Protein backbone atom coordinates (compact mmCIF):
# COMPACT_ATOMS: atom_id res chain seq x y z
CA UNK A 1 92.66 66.24 150.83
CA UNK A 2 95.49 68.50 149.34
CA UNK A 3 94.56 70.49 146.18
CA UNK A 4 97.10 71.21 143.88
CA UNK A 5 96.81 73.78 140.32
CA UNK A 6 96.45 72.04 137.46
CA UNK A 7 98.81 74.19 135.86
CA UNK A 8 97.34 77.10 133.41
CA UNK A 9 93.77 75.54 133.07
CA UNK A 10 93.95 76.54 136.70
CA UNK A 11 91.56 73.92 137.92
CA UNK A 12 92.43 72.90 141.93
CA UNK A 13 92.66 69.55 141.80
CA UNK A 14 92.80 67.11 144.45
CA UNK A 15 96.13 65.18 144.64
CA UNK A 16 94.53 61.86 143.93
CA UNK A 17 93.20 62.08 140.71
CA UNK A 18 90.27 58.65 140.32
CA UNK A 19 91.92 55.76 137.50
CA UNK A 20 88.54 55.16 135.65
CA UNK A 21 90.46 52.35 134.28
CA UNK A 22 89.50 50.58 138.06
CA UNK A 23 85.92 50.83 136.20
CA UNK A 24 86.86 48.77 133.13
CA UNK A 25 84.72 45.93 133.88
CA UNK A 26 82.88 46.26 137.74
CA UNK A 27 79.13 46.64 137.96
CA UNK A 28 77.02 49.62 138.35
CA UNK A 29 76.99 48.93 142.40
CA UNK A 30 80.66 48.47 142.78
CA UNK A 31 81.41 51.71 140.55
CA UNK A 32 78.91 53.67 143.06
CA UNK A 33 80.38 52.87 146.03
CA UNK A 34 84.22 53.79 144.45
CA UNK A 35 82.95 56.91 143.10
CA UNK A 36 81.02 57.70 146.60
CA UNK A 37 84.16 56.70 148.47
CA UNK A 38 86.16 58.98 146.20
CA UNK A 39 83.71 62.03 146.45
CA UNK A 40 83.33 61.66 150.60
CA UNK A 41 87.38 61.92 150.20
CA UNK A 42 87.12 64.61 148.44
CA UNK A 43 88.35 64.04 145.31
CA UNK A 44 87.42 66.28 142.54
CA UNK A 45 89.02 65.21 139.36
CA UNK A 46 88.15 61.68 137.55
CA UNK A 47 89.82 60.75 134.37
CA UNK A 48 88.83 58.22 132.14
CA UNK A 49 89.33 56.89 128.72
CA UNK A 50 87.15 55.45 125.73
CA UNK A 51 89.39 52.57 125.64
CA UNK A 52 88.47 52.13 129.50
CA UNK A 53 85.98 49.26 128.76
CA UNK A 54 82.76 50.14 131.18
CA UNK A 55 84.00 53.16 132.58
CA UNK A 56 82.92 56.24 130.39
CA UNK A 57 79.02 54.23 130.88
CA UNK A 58 79.45 53.97 134.61
CA UNK A 59 81.13 57.37 135.68
CA UNK A 60 77.73 58.69 133.42
CA UNK A 61 75.02 56.91 134.99
CA UNK A 62 76.04 58.80 138.22
CA UNK A 63 77.20 61.93 135.95
CA UNK A 64 73.47 63.78 136.76
CA UNK A 65 74.30 63.84 140.34
CA UNK A 66 78.38 64.46 140.81
CA UNK A 67 79.24 66.61 137.25
CA UNK A 68 79.47 70.18 139.42
CA UNK A 69 81.93 68.32 141.66
CA UNK A 70 84.54 67.76 139.77
CA UNK A 71 86.92 68.44 136.58
CA UNK A 72 85.72 65.25 133.74
CA UNK A 73 88.79 64.22 132.19
CA UNK A 74 88.66 61.07 129.36
CA UNK A 75 90.85 60.13 126.15
CA UNK A 76 90.57 59.09 123.08
CA UNK A 77 92.98 56.29 121.01
CA UNK A 78 92.15 57.34 117.65
CA UNK A 79 95.04 58.57 115.57
CA UNK A 80 93.85 59.99 112.83
CA UNK A 81 90.95 63.48 112.97
CA UNK A 82 87.95 62.00 112.02
CA UNK A 83 88.61 59.00 114.58
CA UNK A 84 89.48 61.28 117.78
CA UNK A 85 86.48 63.10 116.49
CA UNK A 86 83.82 60.35 116.49
CA UNK A 87 85.38 58.70 119.69
CA UNK A 88 84.69 62.69 121.83
CA UNK A 89 81.22 62.26 120.77
CA UNK A 90 80.76 58.90 121.93
CA UNK A 91 82.11 59.12 125.17
CA UNK A 92 80.25 62.85 125.90
CA UNK A 93 77.35 60.61 124.94
CA UNK A 94 78.16 57.62 127.23
CA UNK A 95 79.32 59.91 130.21
CA UNK A 96 75.75 61.95 129.67
CA UNK A 97 78.02 65.39 129.29
CA UNK A 98 77.75 67.90 126.44
CA UNK A 99 81.33 68.54 127.53
CA UNK A 100 84.15 67.53 129.23
CA UNK A 101 87.08 69.05 130.89
CA UNK A 102 89.89 67.70 129.45
CA UNK A 103 90.51 65.59 126.70
CA UNK A 104 93.53 63.79 126.25
CA UNK A 105 95.44 62.00 123.36
CA UNK A 106 96.14 57.84 124.68
CA UNK A 107 99.00 55.77 125.50
CA UNK A 108 101.49 58.07 123.27
CA UNK A 109 104.44 56.85 124.02
CA UNK A 110 107.21 56.59 120.82
CA UNK A 111 108.40 59.32 118.64
CA UNK A 112 106.18 57.51 115.17
CA UNK A 113 102.74 57.16 117.42
CA UNK A 114 103.33 60.93 118.26
CA UNK A 115 103.87 61.95 114.26
CA UNK A 116 100.11 59.90 113.31
CA UNK A 117 98.85 62.04 116.36
CA UNK A 118 99.97 64.75 115.63
CA UNK A 119 100.49 65.41 111.95
CA UNK A 120 97.99 66.25 109.01
CA UNK A 121 94.81 64.88 109.79
CA UNK A 122 95.99 63.45 112.84
CA UNK A 123 93.97 63.11 116.03
CA UNK A 124 94.79 66.27 117.44
CA UNK A 125 93.00 68.25 114.47
CA UNK A 126 90.01 66.19 115.82
CA UNK A 127 90.37 67.25 119.03
CA UNK A 128 90.94 71.06 117.86
CA UNK A 129 88.07 71.06 115.69
CA UNK A 130 86.16 69.53 119.21
CA UNK A 131 87.29 72.39 121.70
CA UNK A 132 86.31 74.99 118.86
CA UNK A 133 83.23 73.38 118.85
CA UNK A 134 82.76 73.14 122.17
CA UNK A 135 82.75 70.16 122.86
CA UNK A 136 86.43 70.10 125.37
CA UNK A 137 87.85 72.22 127.47
CA UNK A 138 91.30 71.64 127.07
CA UNK A 139 93.27 69.04 124.91
CA UNK A 140 96.64 67.07 127.22
CA UNK A 141 98.61 64.07 126.22
CA UNK A 142 99.38 60.46 127.99
CA UNK A 143 101.66 57.52 127.37
CA UNK A 144 103.49 54.64 128.76
CA UNK A 145 106.39 52.90 128.34
CA UNK A 146 110.35 53.38 128.98
CA UNK A 147 110.42 56.49 125.83
CA UNK A 148 107.24 58.17 127.48
CA UNK A 149 108.92 61.57 129.37
CA UNK A 150 111.25 61.79 126.13
CA UNK A 151 108.56 61.46 124.01
CA UNK A 152 106.15 63.68 126.04
CA UNK A 153 108.86 66.67 125.85
CA UNK A 154 108.49 66.48 121.87
CA UNK A 155 105.41 66.70 122.04
CA UNK A 156 105.15 69.89 123.90
CA UNK A 157 107.82 71.29 120.93
CA UNK A 158 104.97 70.43 118.55
CA UNK A 159 102.08 72.12 120.53
CA UNK A 160 101.34 73.40 123.80
CA UNK A 161 99.25 70.82 125.31
CA UNK A 162 97.21 71.83 128.40
CA UNK A 163 98.59 69.14 130.43
CA UNK A 164 100.49 65.62 130.26
CA UNK A 165 100.14 62.21 132.21
CA UNK A 166 103.28 60.27 132.30
CA UNK A 167 105.08 57.70 134.38
CA UNK A 168 106.93 57.82 137.39
CA UNK A 169 107.85 56.22 140.41
CA UNK A 170 110.54 55.28 142.86
CA UNK A 171 111.75 52.48 140.36
CA UNK A 172 111.80 54.76 137.48
CA UNK A 173 114.22 57.02 139.44
CA UNK A 174 116.71 54.65 139.98
CA UNK A 175 116.95 54.79 136.01
CA UNK A 176 119.56 57.49 134.89
CA UNK A 177 118.34 57.87 131.27
CA UNK A 178 114.36 58.33 132.68
CA UNK A 179 115.38 60.43 135.55
CA UNK A 180 117.27 62.82 132.42
CA UNK A 181 114.44 62.75 130.30
CA UNK A 182 111.90 62.76 132.91
CA UNK A 183 113.51 66.26 134.59
CA UNK A 184 113.93 67.46 130.88
CA UNK A 185 110.13 67.60 130.30
CA UNK A 186 109.21 68.80 133.83
CA UNK A 187 111.11 72.24 132.74
CA UNK A 188 109.17 72.30 129.81
CA UNK A 189 106.40 71.74 131.36
CA UNK A 190 107.00 74.46 133.86
CA UNK A 191 108.08 76.95 131.24
CA UNK A 192 104.52 76.62 129.45
CA UNK A 193 103.07 76.59 132.43
CA UNK A 194 101.30 72.52 131.95
CA UNK A 195 99.68 70.67 134.49
CA UNK A 196 101.80 67.34 135.24
CA UNK A 197 100.01 64.05 136.36
CA UNK A 198 101.56 60.93 137.38
CA UNK A 199 100.44 57.63 136.30
CA UNK A 200 101.92 53.97 137.76
CA UNK A 201 103.05 54.97 141.03
CA UNK A 202 102.11 51.95 142.94
CA UNK A 203 103.38 49.90 139.78
CA UNK A 204 105.69 46.98 141.51
CA UNK A 205 106.31 44.46 138.12
CA UNK A 206 104.56 42.71 135.75
CA UNK A 207 102.74 39.72 136.94
CA UNK A 208 104.77 36.46 137.15
CA UNK A 209 103.79 33.85 134.42
CA UNK A 210 101.05 31.67 135.77
CA UNK A 211 100.30 33.69 138.96
CA UNK A 212 97.05 34.07 139.13
CA UNK A 213 96.07 38.42 139.50
CA UNK A 214 95.35 39.70 142.47
CA UNK A 215 94.11 42.72 141.07
CA UNK A 216 92.65 44.27 137.88
CA UNK A 217 95.32 46.24 137.46
CA UNK A 218 97.88 44.88 133.92
CA UNK A 219 100.98 45.03 136.14
CA UNK A 220 101.52 44.07 139.41
CA UNK A 221 100.94 46.90 142.79
CA UNK A 222 102.31 47.21 145.62
CA UNK A 223 99.57 46.00 147.98
CA UNK A 224 101.00 46.30 151.36
CA UNK A 225 99.55 50.07 153.10
CA UNK A 226 103.36 50.56 154.70
CA UNK A 227 104.42 50.15 150.98
CA UNK A 228 101.09 52.33 149.69
CA UNK A 229 102.09 55.25 151.82
CA UNK A 230 105.81 55.74 150.60
CA UNK A 231 104.82 55.25 147.02
CA UNK A 232 102.43 58.21 147.52
CA UNK A 233 104.44 60.28 149.15
CA UNK A 234 107.12 59.55 147.50
CA UNK A 235 105.41 61.19 144.09
CA UNK A 236 103.89 63.76 145.75
CA UNK A 237 107.26 65.03 146.85
CA UNK A 238 107.59 65.87 143.71
CA UNK A 239 106.27 69.74 143.92
CA UNK A 240 105.61 70.48 140.02
CA UNK A 241 103.30 67.54 140.39
CA UNK A 242 99.30 68.47 140.01
CA UNK A 243 98.50 64.71 141.17
CA UNK A 244 98.93 61.14 140.86
CA UNK A 245 96.52 59.00 139.06
CA UNK A 246 94.26 56.12 141.31
CA UNK A 247 95.70 52.15 139.86
CA UNK A 248 92.91 50.22 137.30
CA UNK A 249 91.43 47.99 140.86
CA UNK A 250 88.94 49.85 142.90
CA UNK A 251 90.27 47.83 146.10
CA UNK A 252 93.15 50.19 146.43
CA UNK A 253 91.33 53.13 146.34
CA UNK A 254 90.90 53.09 149.77
CA UNK A 255 94.21 51.98 150.31
CA UNK A 256 95.86 55.23 148.49
CA UNK A 257 92.92 57.83 150.19
CA UNK A 258 94.65 56.39 153.33
CA UNK A 259 97.94 57.17 152.34
CA UNK A 260 97.49 60.67 151.28
CA UNK A 261 96.45 61.37 154.57
CA UNK A 262 99.90 60.43 155.85
CA UNK A 263 101.59 62.79 152.96
CA UNK A 264 103.21 65.27 155.40
CA UNK A 265 104.79 62.85 157.88
CA UNK A 266 106.71 61.09 155.34
CA UNK A 267 110.02 62.69 153.43
CA UNK A 268 111.14 61.72 149.78
CA UNK A 269 114.25 60.68 151.41
CA UNK A 270 112.39 58.51 154.16
CA UNK A 271 109.88 57.06 151.29
CA UNK A 272 113.09 56.41 149.45
CA UNK A 273 114.61 54.56 151.99
CA UNK A 274 110.73 52.59 152.84
CA UNK A 275 110.60 51.73 148.82
CA UNK A 276 113.92 50.13 148.75
CA UNK A 277 113.09 47.26 150.78
CA UNK A 278 110.69 46.40 148.76
CA UNK A 279 111.76 43.00 146.51
CA UNK A 280 110.98 42.26 142.84
CA UNK A 281 110.66 46.23 141.80
CA UNK A 282 111.27 46.92 137.65
CA UNK A 283 109.91 49.18 135.63
CA UNK A 284 106.74 47.48 134.24
CA UNK A 285 106.98 48.64 131.22
CA UNK A 286 110.46 46.47 131.07
CA UNK A 287 110.71 42.57 129.89
CA UNK A 288 111.70 40.72 132.79
CA UNK A 289 112.58 37.09 132.88
CA UNK A 290 109.39 35.05 134.62
CA UNK A 291 107.07 37.90 134.02
CA UNK A 292 104.18 38.07 131.60
CA UNK A 293 103.99 41.29 129.26
CA UNK A 294 100.63 42.12 127.60
CA UNK A 295 100.08 42.09 124.04
CA UNK A 296 99.42 45.93 123.66
CA UNK A 297 102.22 46.71 125.94
CA UNK A 298 104.78 44.69 123.31
CA UNK A 299 105.42 48.28 121.28
CA UNK A 300 106.30 50.11 123.81
CA UNK A 301 108.95 48.40 125.22
CA UNK A 302 112.65 48.44 124.89
CA UNK A 303 114.15 46.70 121.73
CA UNK A 304 116.30 43.44 122.25
């Protein structure tokens, strides 16, 4: 699998980053199979979070076998210094490690939340304390929502985060304001030599009202191989990007691995042309009639 440099951290990360949200509510047996598939495909960067159900516990059960093979990242959703520091310590216990390579402030998607996380007594202070204590190697920030790139740009102006994990996909690339913010974020990331990672590469829309979700993702994903091929190629055509997080469903992982193997044969233009054929695409952060919005997502949506 192709590897790219994770900014000034210097780690050569696989362009597919294992999305630990897929392990939120599976058995250890299912988790073990998924982890092994990822390792066999040369995925060497694993990303999880304190808020991803049992993900840290399930990864922790395998950590004695895989720790020296992977770059390990987790996240804290707490917004106070003490809360974040305590969360990091719990994550280390759950993961059965003494240290993680990257701690990320989780789901910071607007300026108000950024103020809480980076202000006096905020989560950033707790992460810095953990870094001083040798519990974490680097500090990053993540977020959802249409304001995520602009928020993450402001975050980099306040503190030199080592990494940014922000949403980007073909459908979002059709939103002029979003693209403007994303391009400004990319320019600042390159200026600071931070690492840029993407999420929601294969998001198609929110789930339809009354429809039983076919996957464990909170959004409706692309789930045909040709469309996933195009989506992965489209995001990885952004050469300033280290990689993209795989979606929150273990059953989609093999399709993304297969798609990555073909990225070299698919140009950005060809990928966009393929994705333009997919009906019913919307940013997963937008209210759409007849589609379900998860309660936790509501604060991140544009105001009516």
